[in-house]
Protein backbone atom coordinates (compact mmCIF):
# COMPACT_ATOMS: atom_id res chain seq x y z
CA MET A 1 -8.22 -0.42 2.39
CA ARG A 2 -5.28 1.91 2.37
CA ALA A 3 -5.60 5.14 0.39
CA GLY A 4 -3.94 4.96 -2.93
CA SER A 5 -4.31 1.16 -3.24
CA ASN A 6 -5.49 0.31 -6.69
CA LYS A 7 -7.25 -3.04 -5.77
CA SER A 8 -10.65 -3.48 -4.21
CA THR A 9 -11.71 -6.32 -2.20
CA LEU A 10 -15.18 -7.67 -2.29
CA ILE A 11 -16.69 -10.25 -0.01
CA LEU A 12 -19.65 -11.86 -1.95
CA ALA A 13 -21.59 -12.37 1.07
CA TYR A 14 -25.26 -12.34 -0.35
CA SER A 15 -27.53 -12.75 2.69
CA ILE A 16 -30.71 -14.95 2.67
CA GLN A 17 -32.13 -12.93 5.56
CA PRO A 18 -31.62 -9.26 6.36
CA ALA A 19 -30.45 -10.38 9.93
CA GLN A 20 -27.35 -12.03 8.21
CA ASP A 21 -26.10 -8.74 6.94
CA VAL A 22 -23.13 -8.98 9.24
CA LEU A 23 -19.93 -10.28 8.19
CA GLY A 24 -17.79 -12.57 10.42
CA GLU A 25 -14.20 -12.35 10.02
CA CYS A 26 -11.40 -10.89 7.68
CA LEU A 27 -10.42 -13.19 4.80
CA TYR A 28 -6.87 -12.01 5.08
CA CYS A 29 -6.06 -12.09 8.72
CA GLY A 30 -9.08 -13.68 10.59
CA GLU A 31 -9.85 -10.78 12.84
CA GLY A 32 -13.37 -9.59 13.27
CA LEU A 33 -15.03 -7.07 10.96
CA GLN A 34 -16.73 -3.94 12.02
CA GLY A 35 -19.21 -1.85 10.29
CA HIS A 36 -17.75 0.90 7.96
CA GLY A 37 -20.80 2.74 6.87
CA THR A 38 -22.41 2.55 3.47
CA ARG A 39 -21.75 3.88 0.07
CA LYS A 40 -23.88 4.61 -3.01
CA ARG A 41 -23.73 2.10 -5.66
CA LEU A 42 -24.86 2.77 -9.31
CA THR A 43 -27.22 0.11 -10.87
CA ARG A 44 -28.96 0.00 -14.24
CA VAL A 45 -32.24 -1.74 -15.06
CA GLN A 46 -33.03 -1.91 -18.62
CA GLY A 47 -30.67 1.08 -19.19
CA VAL A 48 -32.34 3.19 -16.44
CA ARG A 49 -29.79 4.46 -13.85
CA GLN A 50 -30.75 3.93 -10.21
CA TRP A 51 -28.65 4.43 -7.03
CA CYS A 52 -28.75 1.92 -4.04
CA GLU A 53 -26.73 1.89 -0.81
CA VAL A 54 -24.37 -0.99 -0.01
CA ARG A 55 -22.99 -1.72 3.48
CA ARG A 56 -19.22 -1.63 4.00
CA PHE A 57 -17.15 -3.37 6.77
CA ILE A 58 -13.47 -2.90 7.78
CA CYS A 59 -11.15 -5.24 9.38
CA SER A 60 -10.01 -3.84 12.77
CA ARG A 61 -6.42 -5.30 12.23
CA CYS A 62 -5.24 -5.14 8.62
CA ARG A 63 -7.74 -2.33 7.75
CA LYS A 64 -9.00 -4.20 4.52
CA THR A 65 -12.55 -2.93 3.53
CA PHE A 66 -15.30 -5.16 2.28
CA THR A 67 -18.72 -4.47 0.55
CA LEU A 68 -21.71 -6.48 1.15
CA LEU A 69 -23.66 -6.84 -2.07
CA PRO A 70 -27.41 -6.75 -2.46
CA ASP A 71 -28.75 -10.03 -3.91
CA TYR A 72 -29.56 -8.66 -7.41
CA LEU A 73 -26.03 -7.40 -8.23
CA LEU A 74 -22.89 -9.00 -9.49
CA PRO A 75 -19.54 -7.58 -8.43
CA PHE A 76 -18.36 -4.73 -10.51
CA LYS A 77 -21.50 -4.69 -12.65
CA HIS A 78 -24.05 -1.84 -12.94
CA TYR A 79 -26.71 -4.04 -14.54
CA THR A 80 -28.71 -6.42 -12.48
CA ALA A 81 -27.68 -10.15 -12.44
CA LEU A 82 -30.93 -11.11 -13.81
CA GLU A 83 -30.56 -8.75 -16.84
CA ILE A 84 -27.01 -9.96 -17.48
CA GLU A 85 -28.10 -13.59 -17.29
CA ALA A 86 -31.01 -12.97 -19.76
CA VAL A 87 -28.43 -11.45 -22.29
CA LEU A 88 -26.05 -14.34 -21.66
CA ARG A 89 -28.81 -17.03 -22.29
CA HIS A 90 -29.81 -15.37 -25.32
CA LEU A 91 -26.48 -15.17 -26.77
CA PHE A 92 -25.48 -18.78 -25.68
CA ASP A 93 -28.58 -20.05 -27.40
CA GLY A 94 -27.42 -18.42 -30.68
CA GLY A 95 -29.48 -15.15 -30.51
CA LYS A 96 -28.29 -12.10 -32.21
CA LEU A 97 -26.62 -9.24 -30.43
CA SER A 98 -29.03 -6.66 -31.87
CA GLU A 99 -32.06 -8.61 -30.54
CA SER A 100 -30.69 -8.71 -26.97
CA PRO A 101 -33.33 -8.33 -24.10
CA SER A 102 -31.46 -5.52 -22.52
CA GLY A 103 -31.04 -1.80 -22.85
CA ALA A 104 -27.34 -2.18 -22.62
CA GLY A 105 -25.09 -1.05 -25.62
CA GLU A 106 -23.52 -3.31 -27.96
CA ARG A 107 -20.13 -2.94 -26.50
CA THR A 108 -21.28 -3.77 -22.86
CA LEU A 109 -23.12 -6.90 -24.28
CA ARG A 110 -19.92 -7.97 -26.09
CA ARG A 111 -17.83 -7.57 -22.92
CA TRP A 112 -20.36 -9.58 -20.82
CA TYR A 113 -20.34 -12.40 -23.29
CA SER A 114 -16.49 -12.31 -23.50
CA GLU A 115 -16.06 -12.12 -19.68
CA PHE A 116 -18.61 -14.75 -18.69
CA SER A 117 -17.72 -17.10 -21.57
CA HIS A 118 -14.62 -17.83 -19.42
CA LYS A 119 -15.95 -17.42 -15.96
CA LEU A 120 -19.13 -19.49 -15.96
CA PRO A 121 -17.51 -22.70 -16.98
CA GLU A 122 -14.76 -22.35 -14.28
CA TRP A 123 -17.65 -21.57 -11.68
CA ALA A 124 -19.57 -24.68 -12.84
CA GLY A 125 -16.37 -26.82 -12.52
CA ALA A 126 -15.53 -25.60 -9.06
CA LEU A 127 -19.05 -26.03 -7.88
CA GLY A 128 -19.24 -29.42 -9.39
CA SER A 129 -15.94 -30.38 -7.76
CA ARG A 130 -17.34 -29.12 -4.35
CA ALA A 131 -20.72 -30.99 -4.83
CA PHE A 132 -18.92 -34.18 -5.67
CA GLU A 133 -16.74 -33.71 -2.45
CA LEU A 134 -19.82 -33.30 -0.34
CA SER A 135 -22.05 -35.83 -1.82
CA HIS A 136 -19.88 -38.13 -3.98
CA ARG A 137 -22.44 -37.66 -6.61
CA VAL A 138 -21.71 -36.65 -10.20
CA SER A 139 -24.71 -35.29 -12.09
CA VAL A 140 -24.98 -34.39 -15.81
CA LEU A 141 -22.72 -31.43 -15.52
CA MET A 142 -20.48 -32.23 -18.42
CA SER A 143 -23.44 -33.43 -20.62
CA GLN A 144 -24.97 -30.12 -20.64
CA SER A 145 -23.83 -28.00 -23.48
CA HIS A 146 -25.29 -24.69 -22.25
CA VAL A 147 -22.95 -23.24 -19.70
CA LEU A 148 -25.67 -21.74 -17.65
CA ALA A 149 -27.36 -25.15 -17.69
CA ARG A 150 -24.33 -26.77 -16.19
CA LEU A 151 -24.19 -24.00 -13.53
CA GLU A 152 -27.79 -24.65 -12.63
CA GLU A 153 -27.19 -28.31 -12.33
CA ALA A 154 -24.19 -27.90 -10.08
CA ILE A 155 -26.18 -25.51 -7.94
CA SER A 156 -28.98 -28.02 -7.55
CA CYS A 157 -26.57 -30.15 -5.52
CA PHE A 158 -26.62 -27.55 -2.72
CA PRO A 159 -29.31 -26.37 -0.41
CA ALA A 160 -32.03 -24.15 -2.13
CA LEU A 161 -31.47 -20.31 -2.17
CA PRO A 162 -34.27 -17.73 -2.82
CA SER A 163 -35.86 -18.31 -6.09
CA ARG A 164 -35.56 -14.67 -6.98
CA TRP A 165 -31.85 -14.97 -7.20
CA ALA A 166 -30.26 -15.26 -10.50
CA VAL A 167 -28.14 -18.38 -11.16
CA MET A 168 -24.91 -16.37 -11.25
CA VAL A 169 -25.66 -14.96 -7.67
CA LYS A 170 -26.32 -18.41 -6.44
CA ALA A 171 -23.16 -19.56 -7.94
CA LEU A 172 -21.25 -16.74 -6.32
CA TYR A 173 -23.02 -17.37 -2.86
CA TRP A 174 -21.75 -20.93 -2.94
CA LEU A 175 -18.23 -19.99 -4.17
CA LYS A 176 -18.12 -17.26 -1.65
CA THR A 177 -14.67 -16.06 -1.63
CA SER A 178 -12.92 -19.28 -2.42
CA HIS A 179 -12.74 -18.56 -6.09
CA PRO A 180 -10.03 -16.01 -7.30
CA LEU A 181 -12.24 -14.68 -10.07
CA CYS A 182 -14.59 -13.41 -7.37
CA LEU A 183 -12.19 -11.46 -5.29
CA LEU A 184 -10.02 -8.84 -6.97
CA TRP A 185 -10.52 -5.92 -9.30
CA PRO A 186 -8.82 -5.13 -11.50
CA PRO A 187 -7.70 -8.67 -12.42
């Protein structure tokens, strides 16, 4: 990415095997990607700050940079995907913010709820459409009232992914970069 640019690009390439930690081609120009080092990424688990290293790649033609996320993180989030998902399940099931299963502050919890209340139904719809295209099978996606349940149902139409992955990580794996909500920050 050029210096001074205010948008970050992120390939949501969660890998199932460490040997897959190589990205193929640039989303923008189709040229091959090459390693571009690593960078430190802040994570939080139950409110405790930790650092991890994430691999970076760069396009040899257009110079766009990409980051390979570890399977426990969501793009632009410090807290783990499992923790965010647990909070969302709690809130979608009618739980109180003050009784949330996370060490995150109330403003962060409200922001997650607001953001994912919009994104998750779109992800479920996109995955449901793709599943229908692949198998011509419509499941009970629309009969599920819980948005995470709809997302899980859509994901069940695809080949299995590691069970340790959060539902939202699995959704992003199958959406890859085809969904505009997954790509650019800030929106």
